[in-house]
Amino acid sequence: AVGQSVDYNPEELVCGGCSTVAGLHVCPKHGQDFLEFKCRYCCSVAVWFCFGTTHFCDPCHNDHSRLGSMSKEDFPPCPVGPRATALVGSSCPLGIKEHPPTGEEFALGCGVCRNASTF
């Protein structure tokens, strides 16, 4: 509530541009402006960046309390749908051959370059 003191660790306050993420490559053409990230909890493109540490798709963002309390061993392997739902098959919905396990951050790269082939 307004006016209440909140305990926090100032070292945990990190903006998206300063966060370190596995697989992060700055695009030589577009810089960091169009970097896309995999949702930490499924094989979807993230649209949220919260807590200075976590990228979420919209459904996983809405279920962040449950997902954040799960241990990494409880997450299914790729392919994973929203809300850490195991999918049938072996193909990643993102079209990626290999990425870190569900529960870890991963940069997909430049969204402009990655999607240029769709135009």
C-alpha atoms as a PDB file:
ATOM      1  CA  ALA A   1       0.000   0.000   0.000  1.00  0.00           C
ATOM      2  CA  VAL A   2       1.032   3.592  -0.416  1.00  0.00           C
ATOM      3  CA  GLY A   3       3.322   4.863   2.299  1.00  0.00           C
ATOM      4  CA  GLN A   4       4.362   1.428   3.524  1.00  0.00           C
ATOM      5  CA  SER A   5       8.000   0.461   3.682  1.00  0.00           C
ATOM      6  CA  VAL A   6       8.945  -2.364   1.315  1.00  0.00           C
ATOM      7  CA  ASP A   7      11.978  -4.546   1.971  1.00  0.00           C
ATOM      8  CA  TYR A   8      13.961  -5.368  -1.166  1.00  0.00           C
ATOM      9  CA  ASN A   9      17.476  -6.028  -2.287  1.00  0.00           C
ATOM     10  CA  PRO A  10      18.588  -3.101  -4.510  1.00  0.00           C
ATOM     11  CA  GLU A  11      21.003  -5.480  -6.285  1.00  0.00           C
ATOM     12  CA  GLU A  12      17.964  -7.336  -7.672  1.00  0.00           C
ATOM     13  CA  LEU A  13      16.644  -4.230  -9.451  1.00  0.00           C
ATOM     14  CA  VAL A  14      17.915  -4.712 -12.987  1.00  0.00           C
ATOM     15  CA  CYS A  15      16.527  -3.162 -16.146  1.00  0.00           C
ATOM     16  CA  GLY A  16      16.041  -5.324 -19.231  1.00  0.00           C
ATOM     17  CA  GLY A  17      19.011  -3.753 -20.990  1.00  0.00           C
ATOM     18  CA  CYS A  18      21.331  -4.584 -18.105  1.00  0.00           C
ATOM     19  CA  SER A  19      20.129  -8.110 -17.434  1.00  0.00           C
ATOM     20  CA  THR A  20      22.376 -10.977 -18.385  1.00  0.00           C
ATOM     21  CA  VAL A  21      20.662 -13.779 -20.245  1.00  0.00           C
ATOM     22  CA  ALA A  22      22.074 -17.017 -21.614  1.00  0.00           C
ATOM     23  CA  GLY A  23      22.363 -17.002 -25.366  1.00  0.00           C
ATOM     24  CA  LEU A  24      22.108 -13.208 -25.654  1.00  0.00           C
ATOM     25  CA  HIS A  25      23.596 -11.941 -28.913  1.00  0.00           C
ATOM     26  CA  VAL A  26      23.299  -8.286 -29.845  1.00  0.00           C
ATOM     27  CA  CYS A  27      22.184  -7.920 -33.456  1.00  0.00           C
ATOM     28  CA  PRO A  28      24.907  -6.221 -35.524  1.00  0.00           C
ATOM     29  CA  LYS A  29      22.212  -4.583 -37.678  1.00  0.00           C
ATOM     30  CA  HIS A  30      19.513  -3.623 -35.135  1.00  0.00           C
ATOM     31  CA  GLY A  31      21.346  -3.605 -31.774  1.00  0.00           C
ATOM     32  CA  GLN A  32      19.283  -4.517 -28.692  1.00  0.00           C
ATOM     33  CA  ASP A  33      16.075  -2.745 -29.707  1.00  0.00           C
ATOM     34  CA  PHE A  34      14.312  -5.801 -31.164  1.00  0.00           C
ATOM     35  CA  LEU A  35      15.680  -8.642 -29.061  1.00  0.00           C
ATOM     36  CA  GLU A  36      13.117 -11.360 -28.362  1.00  0.00           C
ATOM     37  CA  PHE A  37      13.172 -13.839 -25.513  1.00  0.00           C
ATOM     38  CA  LYS A  38      11.688 -17.254 -24.942  1.00  0.00           C
ATOM     39  CA  CYS A  39       9.164 -17.425 -22.118  1.00  0.00           C
ATOM     40  CA  ARG A  40      10.923 -18.938 -19.119  1.00  0.00           C
ATOM     41  CA  TYR A  41       8.088 -21.414 -18.553  1.00  0.00           C
ATOM     42  CA  CYS A  42       7.118 -22.546 -22.061  1.00  0.00           C
ATOM     43  CA  CYS A  43       8.136 -22.539 -25.718  1.00  0.00           C
ATOM     44  CA  SER A  44       6.484 -19.209 -26.615  1.00  0.00           C
ATOM     45  CA  VAL A  45       7.840 -15.738 -27.371  1.00  0.00           C
ATOM     46  CA  ALA A  46       7.858 -13.625 -24.210  1.00  0.00           C
ATOM     47  CA  VAL A  47       5.860 -10.398 -24.077  1.00  0.00           C
ATOM     48  CA  TRP A  48       6.527  -9.518 -20.421  1.00  0.00           C
ATOM     49  CA  PHE A  49       9.758  -8.868 -18.492  1.00  0.00           C
ATOM     50  CA  CYS A  50       9.172  -8.787 -14.736  1.00  0.00           C
ATOM     51  CA  PHE A  51      11.151  -8.721 -11.513  1.00  0.00           C
ATOM     52  CA  GLY A  52      14.252  -7.712 -13.491  1.00  0.00           C
ATOM     53  CA  THR A  53      14.868 -11.408 -14.136  1.00  0.00           C
ATOM     54  CA  THR A  54      11.980 -13.185 -15.840  1.00  0.00           C
ATOM     55  CA  HIS A  55      10.523 -13.203 -19.356  1.00  0.00           C
ATOM     56  CA  PHE A  56       6.921 -14.427 -19.693  1.00  0.00           C
ATOM     57  CA  CYS A  57       4.354 -15.063 -22.405  1.00  0.00           C
ATOM     58  CA  ASP A  58       0.913 -13.710 -21.436  1.00  0.00           C
ATOM     59  CA  PRO A  59      -0.611 -16.995 -20.124  1.00  0.00           C
ATOM     60  CA  CYS A  60       2.491 -17.790 -18.033  1.00  0.00           C
ATOM     61  CA  HIS A  61       2.559 -14.217 -16.709  1.00  0.00           C
ATOM     62  CA  ASN A  62      -1.014 -14.698 -15.491  1.00  0.00           C
ATOM     63  CA  ASP A  63       0.065 -17.910 -13.721  1.00  0.00           C
ATOM     64  CA  HIS A  64       3.402 -16.608 -12.391  1.00  0.00           C
ATOM     65  CA  SER A  65       2.751 -17.436  -8.725  1.00  0.00           C
ATOM     66  CA  ARG A  66       2.293 -21.142  -9.379  1.00  0.00           C
ATOM     67  CA  LEU A  67       5.032 -21.360 -11.998  1.00  0.00           C
ATOM     68  CA  GLY A  68       7.515 -19.424  -9.870  1.00  0.00           C
ATOM     69  CA  SER A  69       7.016 -21.789  -6.960  1.00  0.00           C
ATOM     70  CA  MET A  70       7.740 -24.921  -9.037  1.00  0.00           C
ATOM     71  CA  SER A  71      11.179 -26.520  -8.970  1.00  0.00           C
ATOM     72  CA  LYS A  72      13.054 -26.862 -12.267  1.00  0.00           C
ATOM     73  CA  GLU A  73      12.695 -30.642 -12.046  1.00  0.00           C
ATOM     74  CA  ASP A  74       8.889 -30.283 -12.190  1.00  0.00           C
ATOM     75  CA  PHE A  75       8.885 -28.596 -15.609  1.00  0.00           C
ATOM     76  CA  PRO A  76       8.295 -30.769 -18.680  1.00  0.00           C
ATOM     77  CA  PRO A  77      10.952 -30.928 -21.409  1.00  0.00           C
ATOM     78  CA  CYS A  78      10.500 -29.214 -24.768  1.00  0.00           C
ATOM     79  CA  PRO A  79       7.990 -29.002 -26.385  1.00  0.00           C
ATOM     80  CA  VAL A  80       6.135 -27.058 -23.684  1.00  0.00           C
ATOM     81  CA  GLY A  81       2.901 -25.091 -24.078  1.00  0.00           C
ATOM     82  CA  PRO A  82       1.717 -22.121 -22.026  1.00  0.00           C
ATOM     83  CA  ARG A  83       1.502 -22.582 -18.261  1.00  0.00           C
ATOM     84  CA  ALA A  84       4.202 -25.299 -18.429  1.00  0.00           C
ATOM     85  CA  THR A  85       1.902 -27.759 -20.175  1.00  0.00           C
ATOM     86  CA  ALA A  86       3.657 -30.711 -21.816  1.00  0.00           C
ATOM     87  CA  LEU A  87       2.924 -30.900 -25.546  1.00  0.00           C
ATOM     88  CA  VAL A  88       2.745 -34.028 -27.684  1.00  0.00           C
ATOM     89  CA  GLY A  89       5.531 -34.504 -30.218  1.00  0.00           C
ATOM     90  CA  SER A  90       9.153 -33.524 -30.384  1.00  0.00           C
ATOM     91  CA  SER A  91       9.180 -30.243 -32.349  1.00  0.00           C
ATOM     92  CA  CYS A  92       9.632 -26.990 -30.459  1.00  0.00           C
ATOM     93  CA  PRO A  93       6.790 -24.533 -31.265  1.00  0.00           C
ATOM     94  CA  LEU A  94       9.452 -21.841 -31.654  1.00  0.00           C
ATOM     95  CA  GLY A  95      11.190 -23.825 -34.385  1.00  0.00           C
ATOM     96  CA  ILE A  96      14.395 -23.994 -32.340  1.00  0.00           C
ATOM     97  CA  LYS A  97      16.432 -27.170 -32.431  1.00  0.00           C
ATOM     98  CA  GLU A  98      17.976 -26.670 -28.994  1.00  0.00           C
ATOM     99  CA  HIS A  99      17.460 -24.275 -26.097  1.00  0.00           C
ATOM    100  CA  PRO A 100      17.963 -24.352 -22.319  1.00  0.00           C
ATOM    101  CA  PRO A 101      15.454 -26.352 -20.283  1.00  0.00           C
ATOM    102  CA  THR A 102      12.130 -24.901 -19.212  1.00  0.00           C
ATOM    103  CA  GLY A 103      12.666 -22.689 -16.174  1.00  0.00           C
ATOM    104  CA  GLU A 104      15.751 -20.940 -17.566  1.00  0.00           C
ATOM    105  CA  GLU A 105      16.055 -17.663 -19.450  1.00  0.00           C
ATOM    106  CA  PHE A 106      16.952 -17.695 -23.145  1.00  0.00           C
ATOM    107  CA  ALA A 107      17.333 -14.942 -25.731  1.00  0.00           C
ATOM    108  CA  LEU A 108      15.908 -15.826 -29.152  1.00  0.00           C
ATOM    109  CA  GLY A 109      17.805 -13.035 -30.899  1.00  0.00           C
ATOM    110  CA  CYS A 110      16.701 -10.138 -33.066  1.00  0.00           C
ATOM    111  CA  GLY A 111      12.986 -10.333 -33.826  1.00  0.00           C
ATOM    112  CA  VAL A 112      13.342  -8.307 -37.028  1.00  0.00           C
ATOM    113  CA  CYS A 113      16.035 -10.580 -38.463  1.00  0.00           C
ATOM    114  CA  ARG A 114      14.383 -13.742 -37.122  1.00  0.00           C
ATOM    115  CA  ASN A 115      11.073 -12.900 -38.793  1.00  0.00           C
ATOM    116  CA  ALA A 116      12.468 -11.348 -41.994  1.00  0.00           C
ATOM    117  CA  SER A 117      11.961 -14.621 -43.843  1.00  0.00           C
ATOM    118  CA  THR A 118       8.188 -14.476 -43.196  1.00  0.00           C
ATOM    119  CA  PHE A 119       7.713 -11.416 -45.422  1.00  0.00           C
END
